[in-house]
Amino acid sequence: MRSRSGIERLINLECMAYNAMTLLPYSDEAFSCYQSASAQETRFGIGQQIQASIIFSSFVGKLETVIKSCSLIKIIEGYILSGFKNIQKL
């Protein structure tokens, strides 16, 4: 960004982000513990919560995939075993 308007937009964006971190603890009770903290501490704390949420959701997604895979394997095993029992009866 070398143009004047690009630099102004970047500065405005940074100011808006700083103000959001400053006002967020007062607008939402979930973040009220950050009321006496600096904007940087608030940003760090919220970043940690976001990281934990992302890690937890990806873990749950993988766990659901494993559970679905195990269920599918059990269904296929049951189908194969039932077919095998039918063959033995003949």
N, C-alpha and C. Protein backbone atom coordinates (compact mmCIF):
# COMPACT_ATOMS: atom_id res chain seq x y z
N MET A 1 0.84 -1.17 0.00
CA MET A 1 0.00 0.00 0.00
C MET A 1 0.88 1.24 0.00
N ARG A 2 0.93 1.85 -1.11
CA ARG A 2 1.75 3.04 -1.22
C ARG A 2 0.94 4.29 -1.48
N SER A 3 -0.33 4.10 -1.72
CA SER A 3 -1.14 5.29 -1.98
C SER A 3 -1.63 5.89 -0.66
N ARG A 4 -1.91 7.13 -0.72
CA ARG A 4 -2.36 7.84 0.48
C ARG A 4 -3.69 7.28 0.98
N SER A 5 -4.61 6.98 0.08
CA SER A 5 -5.92 6.47 0.49
C SER A 5 -5.78 5.07 1.11
N GLY A 6 -4.85 4.26 0.59
CA GLY A 6 -4.63 2.94 1.17
C GLY A 6 -4.08 3.02 2.58
N ILE A 7 -3.16 3.93 2.80
CA ILE A 7 -2.58 4.12 4.14
C ILE A 7 -3.64 4.64 5.10
N GLU A 8 -4.47 5.57 4.64
CA GLU A 8 -5.54 6.09 5.49
C GLU A 8 -6.53 4.99 5.86
N ARG A 9 -6.87 4.13 4.91
CA ARG A 9 -7.80 3.03 5.20
C ARG A 9 -7.20 2.06 6.21
N LEU A 10 -5.91 1.77 6.08
CA LEU A 10 -5.25 0.88 7.03
C LEU A 10 -5.24 1.47 8.43
N ILE A 11 -4.95 2.75 8.54
CA ILE A 11 -4.95 3.42 9.84
C ILE A 11 -6.35 3.43 10.43
N ASN A 12 -7.36 3.69 9.61
CA ASN A 12 -8.75 3.67 10.09
C ASN A 12 -9.14 2.28 10.58
N LEU A 13 -8.71 1.26 9.86
CA LEU A 13 -9.01 -0.12 10.26
C LEU A 13 -8.34 -0.45 11.60
N GLU A 14 -7.10 -0.04 11.77
CA GLU A 14 -6.40 -0.26 13.03
C GLU A 14 -7.08 0.46 14.18
N CYS A 15 -7.53 1.67 13.94
CA CYS A 15 -8.24 2.44 14.98
C CYS A 15 -9.56 1.77 15.36
N MET A 16 -10.27 1.27 14.36
CA MET A 16 -11.54 0.59 14.63
C MET A 16 -11.30 -0.69 15.43
N ALA A 17 -10.25 -1.44 15.10
CA ALA A 17 -9.94 -2.67 15.83
C ALA A 17 -9.57 -2.35 17.28
N TYR A 18 -8.77 -1.31 17.48
CA TYR A 18 -8.38 -0.89 18.83
C TYR A 18 -9.61 -0.49 19.63
N ASN A 19 -10.48 0.31 19.03
CA ASN A 19 -11.70 0.74 19.72
C ASN A 19 -12.62 -0.43 20.04
N ALA A 20 -12.69 -1.40 19.13
CA ALA A 20 -13.52 -2.58 19.39
C ALA A 20 -12.99 -3.35 20.60
N MET A 21 -11.68 -3.49 20.70
CA MET A 21 -11.09 -4.19 21.84
C MET A 21 -11.28 -3.40 23.14
N THR A 22 -11.36 -2.09 23.03
CA THR A 22 -11.56 -1.26 24.21
C THR A 22 -13.02 -1.28 24.66
N LEU A 23 -13.95 -1.27 23.72
CA LEU A 23 -15.38 -1.20 24.06
C LEU A 23 -16.04 -2.56 24.28
N LEU A 24 -15.48 -3.61 23.74
CA LEU A 24 -16.09 -4.94 23.84
C LEU A 24 -16.37 -5.38 25.27
N PRO A 25 -15.45 -5.20 26.22
CA PRO A 25 -15.74 -5.64 27.60
C PRO A 25 -16.93 -4.92 28.24
N TYR A 26 -17.25 -3.74 27.76
CA TYR A 26 -18.37 -2.99 28.33
C TYR A 26 -19.69 -3.27 27.62
N SER A 27 -19.61 -3.86 26.44
CA SER A 27 -20.84 -4.11 25.69
C SER A 27 -21.35 -5.54 25.83
N ASP A 28 -20.50 -6.46 26.31
CA ASP A 28 -20.91 -7.86 26.44
C ASP A 28 -20.42 -8.40 27.78
N GLU A 29 -21.31 -9.01 28.55
CA GLU A 29 -20.95 -9.50 29.88
C GLU A 29 -19.95 -10.65 29.82
N ALA A 30 -19.92 -11.38 28.71
CA ALA A 30 -18.98 -12.49 28.58
C ALA A 30 -17.53 -12.01 28.63
N PHE A 31 -17.31 -10.77 28.26
CA PHE A 31 -15.96 -10.21 28.25
C PHE A 31 -15.75 -9.18 29.35
N SER A 32 -16.61 -9.16 30.35
CA SER A 32 -16.52 -8.15 31.41
C SER A 32 -15.25 -8.29 32.24
N CYS A 33 -14.62 -9.46 32.23
CA CYS A 33 -13.38 -9.62 32.99
C CYS A 33 -12.24 -8.79 32.40
N TYR A 34 -12.40 -8.30 31.19
CA TYR A 34 -11.38 -7.49 30.53
C TYR A 34 -11.61 -5.99 30.66
N GLN A 35 -12.54 -5.57 31.52
CA GLN A 35 -12.86 -4.15 31.63
C GLN A 35 -11.67 -3.32 32.11
N SER A 36 -10.87 -3.84 32.99
CA SER A 36 -9.73 -3.08 33.49
C SER A 36 -8.44 -3.40 32.73
N ALA A 37 -8.53 -4.27 31.74
CA ALA A 37 -7.34 -4.66 30.98
C ALA A 37 -7.11 -3.72 29.80
N SER A 38 -5.90 -3.74 29.31
CA SER A 38 -5.58 -2.93 28.13
C SER A 38 -6.17 -3.60 26.89
N ALA A 39 -6.19 -2.88 25.80
CA ALA A 39 -6.71 -3.43 24.55
C ALA A 39 -5.86 -4.63 24.10
N GLN A 40 -4.57 -4.57 24.35
CA GLN A 40 -3.69 -5.66 23.95
C GLN A 40 -3.98 -6.92 24.77
N GLU A 41 -4.21 -6.75 26.08
CA GLU A 41 -4.56 -7.90 26.92
C GLU A 41 -5.91 -8.49 26.52
N THR A 42 -6.86 -7.62 26.19
CA THR A 42 -8.16 -8.08 25.74
C THR A 42 -8.02 -8.86 24.44
N ARG A 43 -7.24 -8.33 23.51
CA ARG A 43 -7.02 -9.00 22.23
C ARG A 43 -6.36 -10.36 22.44
N PHE A 44 -5.38 -10.43 23.33
CA PHE A 44 -4.69 -11.68 23.61
C PHE A 44 -5.65 -12.70 24.22
N GLY A 45 -6.46 -12.26 25.20
CA GLY A 45 -7.41 -13.16 25.85
C GLY A 45 -8.45 -13.70 24.89
N ILE A 46 -8.99 -12.82 24.06
CA ILE A 46 -9.99 -13.25 23.08
C ILE A 46 -9.34 -14.17 22.05
N GLY A 47 -8.10 -13.87 21.66
CA GLY A 47 -7.38 -14.75 20.74
C GLY A 47 -7.18 -16.14 21.31
N GLN A 48 -6.86 -16.21 22.60
CA GLN A 48 -6.70 -17.51 23.26
C GLN A 48 -8.03 -18.28 23.26
N GLN A 49 -9.12 -17.59 23.53
CA GLN A 49 -10.44 -18.24 23.53
C GLN A 49 -10.80 -18.74 22.14
N ILE A 50 -10.48 -17.96 21.12
CA ILE A 50 -10.76 -18.38 19.75
C ILE A 50 -9.93 -19.60 19.39
N GLN A 51 -8.64 -19.60 19.75
CA GLN A 51 -7.78 -20.75 19.48
C GLN A 51 -8.31 -22.00 20.17
N ALA A 52 -8.70 -21.87 21.43
CA ALA A 52 -9.24 -23.03 22.17
C ALA A 52 -10.51 -23.53 21.51
N SER A 53 -11.35 -22.62 21.07
CA SER A 53 -12.59 -23.01 20.41
C SER A 53 -12.32 -23.74 19.10
N ILE A 54 -11.36 -23.24 18.32
CA ILE A 54 -11.02 -23.88 17.05
C ILE A 54 -10.44 -25.27 17.29
N ILE A 55 -9.54 -25.39 18.25
CA ILE A 55 -8.95 -26.69 18.56
C ILE A 55 -10.02 -27.66 19.03
N PHE A 56 -10.92 -27.20 19.91
CA PHE A 56 -11.98 -28.07 20.41
C PHE A 56 -12.92 -28.50 19.29
N SER A 57 -13.31 -27.57 18.42
CA SER A 57 -14.24 -27.93 17.35
C SER A 57 -13.59 -28.88 16.34
N SER A 58 -12.30 -28.69 16.05
CA SER A 58 -11.64 -29.62 15.13
C SER A 58 -11.49 -30.98 15.77
N PHE A 59 -11.23 -31.03 17.09
CA PHE A 59 -11.15 -32.30 17.79
C PHE A 59 -12.49 -33.02 17.76
N VAL A 60 -13.56 -32.28 18.03
CA VAL A 60 -14.89 -32.89 18.01
C VAL A 60 -15.24 -33.38 16.60
N GLY A 61 -14.87 -32.61 15.59
CA GLY A 61 -15.12 -33.03 14.21
C GLY A 61 -14.40 -34.32 13.88
N LYS A 62 -13.14 -34.43 14.30
CA LYS A 62 -12.38 -35.66 14.07
C LYS A 62 -12.96 -36.81 14.87
N LEU A 63 -13.38 -36.53 16.09
CA LEU A 63 -13.98 -37.56 16.93
C LEU A 63 -15.27 -38.07 16.31
N GLU A 64 -16.10 -37.16 15.78
CA GLU A 64 -17.33 -37.57 15.13
C GLU A 64 -17.04 -38.43 13.90
N THR A 65 -15.98 -38.09 13.17
CA THR A 65 -15.60 -38.88 12.01
C THR A 65 -15.19 -40.28 12.43
N VAL A 66 -14.43 -40.38 13.53
CA VAL A 66 -14.01 -41.69 14.03
C VAL A 66 -15.21 -42.48 14.49
N ILE A 67 -16.13 -41.84 15.20
CA ILE A 67 -17.33 -42.53 15.69
C ILE A 67 -18.16 -43.02 14.52
N LYS A 68 -18.34 -42.16 13.50
CA LYS A 68 -19.09 -42.57 12.32
C LYS A 68 -18.39 -43.72 11.61
N SER A 69 -17.07 -43.68 11.53
CA SER A 69 -16.32 -44.75 10.89
C SER A 69 -16.48 -46.05 11.66
N CYS A 70 -16.40 -45.97 12.99
CA CYS A 70 -16.57 -47.17 13.81
C CYS A 70 -17.97 -47.74 13.65
N SER A 71 -18.97 -46.88 13.60
CA SER A 71 -20.35 -47.34 13.40
C SER A 71 -20.49 -48.01 12.04
N LEU A 72 -19.90 -47.42 11.02
CA LEU A 72 -19.97 -47.99 9.68
C LEU A 72 -19.27 -49.34 9.63
N ILE A 73 -18.13 -49.44 10.28
CA ILE A 73 -17.41 -50.72 10.32
C ILE A 73 -18.25 -51.78 11.02
N LYS A 74 -18.91 -51.42 12.12
CA LYS A 74 -19.76 -52.38 12.83
C LYS A 74 -20.93 -52.82 11.97
N ILE A 75 -21.52 -51.89 11.22
CA ILE A 75 -22.63 -52.24 10.33
C ILE A 75 -22.16 -53.19 9.25
N ILE A 76 -21.02 -52.91 8.66
CA ILE A 76 -20.49 -53.78 7.60
C ILE A 76 -20.12 -55.14 8.17
N GLU A 77 -19.51 -55.16 9.35
CA GLU A 77 -19.17 -56.44 9.97
C GLU A 77 -20.45 -57.25 10.25
N GLY A 78 -21.48 -56.56 10.75
CA GLY A 78 -22.74 -57.25 11.01
C GLY A 78 -23.35 -57.80 9.73
N TYR A 79 -23.27 -57.04 8.67
CA TYR A 79 -23.80 -57.49 7.38
C TYR A 79 -23.02 -58.70 6.87
N ILE A 80 -21.71 -58.64 6.98
CA ILE A 80 -20.87 -59.75 6.52
C ILE A 80 -21.12 -60.99 7.36
N LEU A 81 -21.19 -60.79 8.69
CA LEU A 81 -21.43 -61.94 9.56
C LEU A 81 -22.80 -62.53 9.34
N SER A 82 -23.82 -61.70 9.10
CA SER A 82 -25.16 -62.24 8.84
C SER A 82 -25.18 -63.02 7.54
N GLY A 83 -24.44 -62.55 6.54
CA GLY A 83 -24.33 -63.29 5.28
C GLY A 83 -23.58 -64.58 5.47
N PHE A 84 -22.57 -64.56 6.32
CA PHE A 84 -21.79 -65.75 6.59
C PHE A 84 -22.65 -66.79 7.33
N LYS A 85 -23.51 -66.33 8.26
CA LYS A 85 -24.40 -67.24 8.99
C LYS A 85 -25.42 -67.85 8.03
N ASN A 86 -25.92 -67.07 7.07
CA ASN A 86 -26.88 -67.59 6.09
C ASN A 86 -26.23 -68.66 5.23
N ILE A 87 -24.95 -68.46 4.89
CA ILE A 87 -24.24 -69.46 4.07
C ILE A 87 -24.04 -70.73 4.87
N GLN A 88 -23.75 -70.60 6.16
CA GLN A 88 -23.55 -71.78 6.99
C GLN A 88 -24.84 -72.59 7.13
N LYS A 89 -25.99 -71.90 7.14
CA LYS A 89 -27.27 -72.60 7.27
C LYS A 89 -27.58 -73.42 6.05
N LEU A 90 -27.09 -73.04 4.87
CA LEU A 90 -27.35 -73.77 3.65
C LEU A 90 -26.60 -75.07 3.70
